[in-house]
N, C-alpha and C. Protein backbone atom coordinates (compact mmCIF):
# COMPACT_ATOMS: atom_id res chain seq x y z
N UNK A 1 29.31 -59.34 39.58
CA UNK A 1 30.52 -58.92 40.29
C UNK A 1 31.74 -59.49 39.56
N UNK A 2 32.60 -58.63 39.05
CA UNK A 2 33.71 -59.07 38.20
C UNK A 2 34.73 -59.94 38.95
N UNK A 3 34.96 -59.69 40.24
CA UNK A 3 35.92 -60.52 40.98
C UNK A 3 35.42 -61.96 41.07
N UNK A 4 34.13 -62.16 41.25
CA UNK A 4 33.60 -63.53 41.30
C UNK A 4 33.74 -64.23 39.96
N UNK A 5 33.57 -63.50 38.88
CA UNK A 5 33.76 -64.08 37.54
C UNK A 5 35.22 -64.44 37.34
N UNK A 6 36.12 -63.57 37.76
CA UNK A 6 37.56 -63.84 37.66
C UNK A 6 37.94 -65.08 38.48
N UNK A 7 37.41 -65.17 39.69
CA UNK A 7 37.72 -66.32 40.55
C UNK A 7 37.18 -67.62 39.95
N UNK A 8 35.99 -67.58 39.39
CA UNK A 8 35.41 -68.77 38.75
C UNK A 8 36.26 -69.19 37.56
N UNK A 9 36.66 -68.22 36.74
CA UNK A 9 37.51 -68.54 35.59
C UNK A 9 38.83 -69.13 36.04
N UNK A 10 39.41 -68.57 37.09
CA UNK A 10 40.69 -69.08 37.61
C UNK A 10 40.55 -70.52 38.07
N UNK A 11 39.47 -70.83 38.78
CA UNK A 11 39.26 -72.20 39.25
C UNK A 11 39.15 -73.18 38.08
N UNK A 12 38.42 -72.78 37.05
CA UNK A 12 38.28 -73.64 35.87
C UNK A 12 39.63 -73.82 35.18
N UNK A 13 40.36 -72.73 35.00
CA UNK A 13 41.68 -72.80 34.35
C UNK A 13 42.63 -73.72 35.13
N UNK A 14 42.63 -73.58 36.45
CA UNK A 14 43.51 -74.40 37.28
C UNK A 14 43.17 -75.88 37.12
N UNK A 15 41.90 -76.20 37.10
CA UNK A 15 41.49 -77.59 36.90
C UNK A 15 41.88 -78.11 35.52
N UNK A 16 41.61 -77.32 34.50
CA UNK A 16 41.88 -77.76 33.13
C UNK A 16 43.38 -77.84 32.82
N UNK A 17 44.14 -76.93 33.36
CA UNK A 17 45.57 -76.88 33.04
C UNK A 17 46.40 -77.81 33.93
N UNK A 18 45.81 -78.29 34.99
CA UNK A 18 46.38 -79.28 35.92
C UNK A 18 47.89 -79.17 36.13
N UNK A 19 48.31 -78.04 36.63
CA UNK A 19 49.71 -77.87 37.02
C UNK A 19 50.59 -77.24 35.96
N UNK A 20 50.17 -77.28 34.71
CA UNK A 20 50.95 -76.66 33.64
C UNK A 20 50.27 -75.35 33.26
N UNK A 21 50.42 -74.34 34.12
CA UNK A 21 49.63 -73.13 34.02
C UNK A 21 50.13 -72.19 32.93
N UNK A 22 49.20 -71.62 32.21
CA UNK A 22 49.52 -70.69 31.13
C UNK A 22 49.81 -69.30 31.70
N UNK A 23 50.43 -68.49 30.87
CA UNK A 23 50.70 -67.10 31.23
C UNK A 23 49.40 -66.38 31.58
N UNK A 24 48.35 -66.67 30.82
CA UNK A 24 47.05 -66.04 31.06
C UNK A 24 46.51 -66.39 32.44
N UNK A 25 46.70 -67.63 32.85
CA UNK A 25 46.23 -68.05 34.17
C UNK A 25 47.00 -67.32 35.27
N UNK A 26 48.33 -67.22 35.12
CA UNK A 26 49.11 -66.49 36.11
C UNK A 26 48.69 -65.02 36.16
N UNK A 27 48.47 -64.42 35.01
CA UNK A 27 48.02 -63.02 34.98
C UNK A 27 46.68 -62.86 35.68
N UNK A 28 45.77 -63.79 35.43
CA UNK A 28 44.46 -63.76 36.07
C UNK A 28 44.60 -63.89 37.59
N UNK A 29 45.43 -64.82 38.04
CA UNK A 29 45.64 -65.01 39.47
C UNK A 29 46.29 -63.78 40.11
N UNK A 30 47.22 -63.16 39.41
CA UNK A 30 47.85 -61.93 39.93
C UNK A 30 46.82 -60.80 40.03
N UNK A 31 45.93 -60.72 39.04
CA UNK A 31 44.87 -59.71 39.09
C UNK A 31 43.94 -59.96 40.28
N UNK A 32 43.62 -61.21 40.52
CA UNK A 32 42.78 -61.55 41.67
C UNK A 32 43.48 -61.14 42.97
N UNK A 33 44.79 -61.42 43.07
CA UNK A 33 45.54 -61.05 44.27
C UNK A 33 45.59 -59.54 44.48
N UNK A 34 45.60 -58.80 43.39
CA UNK A 34 45.64 -57.34 43.53
C UNK A 34 44.33 -56.81 44.14
N UNK A 35 43.25 -57.58 43.97
CA UNK A 35 41.95 -57.19 44.53
C UNK A 35 41.71 -57.86 45.88
N UNK A 36 42.03 -59.13 45.94
CA UNK A 36 41.84 -59.94 47.17
C UNK A 36 43.20 -60.48 47.61
N UNK A 37 43.86 -59.75 48.49
CA UNK A 37 45.22 -60.13 48.90
C UNK A 37 45.28 -61.44 49.68
N UNK A 38 44.13 -61.96 50.10
CA UNK A 38 44.13 -63.21 50.86
C UNK A 38 43.41 -64.33 50.11
N UNK A 39 43.50 -64.31 48.79
CA UNK A 39 42.88 -65.37 48.00
C UNK A 39 43.78 -66.61 48.06
N UNK A 40 43.27 -67.66 48.67
CA UNK A 40 44.07 -68.85 48.94
C UNK A 40 44.58 -69.51 47.65
N UNK A 41 43.72 -69.66 46.66
CA UNK A 41 44.13 -70.30 45.41
C UNK A 41 45.26 -69.53 44.74
N UNK A 42 45.12 -68.22 44.63
CA UNK A 42 46.14 -67.39 43.98
C UNK A 42 47.45 -67.42 44.78
N UNK A 43 47.36 -67.29 46.09
CA UNK A 43 48.56 -67.33 46.93
C UNK A 43 49.28 -68.67 46.79
N UNK A 44 48.53 -69.75 46.77
CA UNK A 44 49.12 -71.09 46.70
C UNK A 44 49.82 -71.30 45.36
N UNK A 45 49.13 -71.00 44.28
CA UNK A 45 49.71 -71.28 42.96
C UNK A 45 50.86 -70.33 42.64
N UNK A 46 50.67 -69.04 42.86
CA UNK A 46 51.74 -68.09 42.55
C UNK A 46 52.91 -68.27 43.52
N UNK A 47 52.61 -68.51 44.80
CA UNK A 47 53.67 -68.75 45.77
C UNK A 47 54.53 -69.94 45.39
N UNK A 48 53.89 -71.03 44.99
CA UNK A 48 54.65 -72.22 44.57
C UNK A 48 55.42 -71.96 43.28
N UNK A 49 54.85 -71.18 42.37
CA UNK A 49 55.54 -70.82 41.13
C UNK A 49 56.81 -70.02 41.47
N UNK A 50 56.68 -69.03 42.34
CA UNK A 50 57.84 -68.22 42.74
C UNK A 50 58.88 -69.09 43.46
N UNK A 51 58.42 -70.01 44.26
CA UNK A 51 59.31 -70.93 44.98
C UNK A 51 60.11 -71.78 43.98
N UNK A 52 59.42 -72.35 43.01
CA UNK A 52 60.08 -73.19 42.00
C UNK A 52 61.08 -72.38 41.17
N UNK A 53 60.79 -71.10 40.96
CA UNK A 53 61.69 -70.21 40.21
C UNK A 53 62.81 -69.66 41.09
N UNK A 54 62.84 -70.10 42.35
CA UNK A 54 63.82 -69.67 43.35
C UNK A 54 63.74 -68.17 43.66
N UNK A 55 62.57 -67.61 43.47
CA UNK A 55 62.31 -66.23 43.89
C UNK A 55 61.77 -66.31 45.32
N UNK A 56 62.69 -66.64 46.23
CA UNK A 56 62.29 -67.00 47.58
C UNK A 56 61.69 -65.85 48.39
N UNK A 57 62.15 -64.64 48.17
CA UNK A 57 61.60 -63.54 48.97
C UNK A 57 60.12 -63.34 48.65
N UNK A 58 59.74 -63.45 47.38
CA UNK A 58 58.34 -63.31 47.00
C UNK A 58 57.52 -64.51 47.48
N UNK A 59 58.06 -65.70 47.30
CA UNK A 59 57.37 -66.92 47.76
C UNK A 59 57.17 -66.87 49.27
N UNK A 60 58.18 -66.43 49.99
CA UNK A 60 58.11 -66.37 51.45
C UNK A 60 56.97 -65.46 51.90
N UNK A 61 56.86 -64.28 51.29
CA UNK A 61 55.79 -63.35 51.65
C UNK A 61 54.42 -63.99 51.42
N UNK A 62 54.26 -64.62 50.28
CA UNK A 62 52.97 -65.24 49.96
C UNK A 62 52.67 -66.41 50.90
N UNK A 63 53.68 -67.21 51.18
CA UNK A 63 53.48 -68.37 52.06
C UNK A 63 53.17 -67.95 53.49
N UNK A 64 53.74 -66.84 53.95
CA UNK A 64 53.43 -66.35 55.30
C UNK A 64 51.95 -65.99 55.40
N UNK A 65 51.43 -65.31 54.39
CA UNK A 65 50.00 -64.97 54.38
C UNK A 65 49.17 -66.25 54.29
N UNK A 66 49.57 -67.13 53.40
CA UNK A 66 48.83 -68.37 53.17
C UNK A 66 48.78 -69.23 54.43
N UNK A 67 49.89 -69.31 55.14
CA UNK A 67 49.95 -70.13 56.36
C UNK A 67 48.93 -69.66 57.39
N UNK A 68 48.72 -68.36 57.48
CA UNK A 68 47.73 -67.82 58.43
C UNK A 68 46.30 -68.15 58.01
N UNK A 69 46.09 -68.39 56.72
CA UNK A 69 44.74 -68.65 56.20
C UNK A 69 44.36 -70.13 56.22
N UNK A 70 45.36 -71.00 56.21
CA UNK A 70 45.09 -72.44 56.15
C UNK A 70 44.86 -73.01 57.56
N UNK A 71 44.14 -74.10 57.62
CA UNK A 71 43.90 -74.78 58.88
C UNK A 71 45.14 -75.57 59.28
N UNK A 72 45.60 -75.31 60.50
CA UNK A 72 46.79 -76.00 61.00
C UNK A 72 46.57 -77.50 60.98
N UNK A 73 47.61 -78.22 60.55
CA UNK A 73 47.53 -79.67 60.52
C UNK A 73 47.08 -80.26 59.20
N UNK A 74 46.57 -79.42 58.28
CA UNK A 74 46.16 -79.95 56.97
C UNK A 74 47.41 -80.21 56.13
N UNK A 75 47.23 -80.99 55.09
CA UNK A 75 48.34 -81.30 54.19
C UNK A 75 48.92 -80.02 53.57
N UNK A 76 48.05 -79.11 53.16
CA UNK A 76 48.50 -77.86 52.55
C UNK A 76 49.27 -77.01 53.55
N UNK A 77 48.75 -76.92 54.78
CA UNK A 77 49.41 -76.15 55.83
C UNK A 77 50.81 -76.72 56.08
N UNK A 78 50.91 -78.03 56.23
CA UNK A 78 52.19 -78.67 56.51
C UNK A 78 53.18 -78.47 55.36
N UNK A 79 52.69 -78.53 54.13
CA UNK A 79 53.55 -78.31 52.96
C UNK A 79 54.12 -76.89 52.96
N UNK A 80 53.25 -75.91 53.19
CA UNK A 80 53.68 -74.51 53.19
C UNK A 80 54.61 -74.24 54.36
N UNK A 81 54.28 -74.78 55.52
CA UNK A 81 55.13 -74.60 56.71
C UNK A 81 56.53 -75.16 56.46
N UNK A 82 56.60 -76.33 55.84
CA UNK A 82 57.89 -76.96 55.53
C UNK A 82 58.71 -76.08 54.58
N UNK A 83 58.06 -75.52 53.58
CA UNK A 83 58.77 -74.66 52.63
C UNK A 83 59.25 -73.37 53.31
N UNK A 84 58.42 -72.81 54.19
CA UNK A 84 58.82 -71.61 54.93
C UNK A 84 60.06 -71.91 55.77
N UNK A 85 60.04 -73.02 56.50
CA UNK A 85 61.19 -73.40 57.33
C UNK A 85 62.44 -73.64 56.49
N UNK A 86 62.27 -74.26 55.34
CA UNK A 86 63.40 -74.49 54.44
C UNK A 86 64.00 -73.17 53.98
N UNK A 87 63.14 -72.23 53.60
CA UNK A 87 63.64 -70.92 53.15
C UNK A 87 64.36 -70.19 54.28
N UNK A 88 63.83 -70.29 55.49
CA UNK A 88 64.46 -69.63 56.64
C UNK A 88 65.81 -70.25 56.96
N UNK A 89 65.89 -71.59 56.93
CA UNK A 89 67.11 -72.28 57.32
C UNK A 89 68.15 -72.33 56.21
N UNK A 90 67.71 -72.72 55.01
CA UNK A 90 68.66 -72.93 53.91
C UNK A 90 69.02 -71.63 53.20
N UNK A 91 68.04 -70.77 53.01
CA UNK A 91 68.24 -69.56 52.21
C UNK A 91 68.27 -68.30 53.06
N UNK A 92 68.09 -68.44 54.38
CA UNK A 92 68.16 -67.30 55.32
C UNK A 92 67.16 -66.19 54.97
N UNK A 93 66.00 -66.60 54.48
CA UNK A 93 64.93 -65.64 54.15
C UNK A 93 64.11 -65.40 55.41
N UNK A 94 63.81 -64.15 55.70
CA UNK A 94 62.94 -63.82 56.84
C UNK A 94 62.24 -62.51 56.57
């Protein structure tokens, strides 16, 4: 199954690149999202990338999906929730 191979490669790339993601990794994650719109790893990494680039409307969409997928109260959930609130309050994104 090609999606499982893509997901495995993405996980390895994310571990090896440790935050300094290559263009190839972003392309792979975007391809995964085009097939699996609720892929937590892809939503988290691309959402944070868009957030850092101040592309708030795209980050907001991804974070809204991600927030529904994460367990409430976890560190990741709280981080995403905080960023969503910041975008709503500071940047008036909704």
